[in-house]
Amino acid sequence: RRQLGLPAPKLKAASKFTIIREYIRVKKLLKGKIAEDIANLPELDDERYEMGQRMNEHLATSVYLVEPTMLPLVIFQSVTTSLKHGLSPTSSPAFARLGLLLCGPFGKPHEG
């Protein structure tokens, strides 16, 4: 992602502070949005972001196995990109992973 000029998480374990900070950023982006609002977002038309989204999708499983604390950051990054730059085929899995994260480790099933 860095080679594309896109933000990328650092290659180290994520602190609880970092995870919570990024969760709050995503929560602010989602504030007041319903599923229909998200479904009506424009299509992603920037090749760099599309490639970054595909990279995140492939990275998610590996990150979970190697450094699980980084998984929330990859998920938040994918969701943020979808909300700010538009939807792509990788957006659905990103939002599904966000729901899984919220219902599981975050203990917020009403938000997931």
Foldseek 3Di string as FASTA:
>chain_A
DVVLVDDDDDPDADDPVRLVVLVVVLCVLCPPPDPVNLVPWAAADDPSLVVVLVVLVVVLVVCCVPHVNCNSVSLSVNCVCCSPRHDDPSNVVSVVVVCVCCVPPVVNNVVD
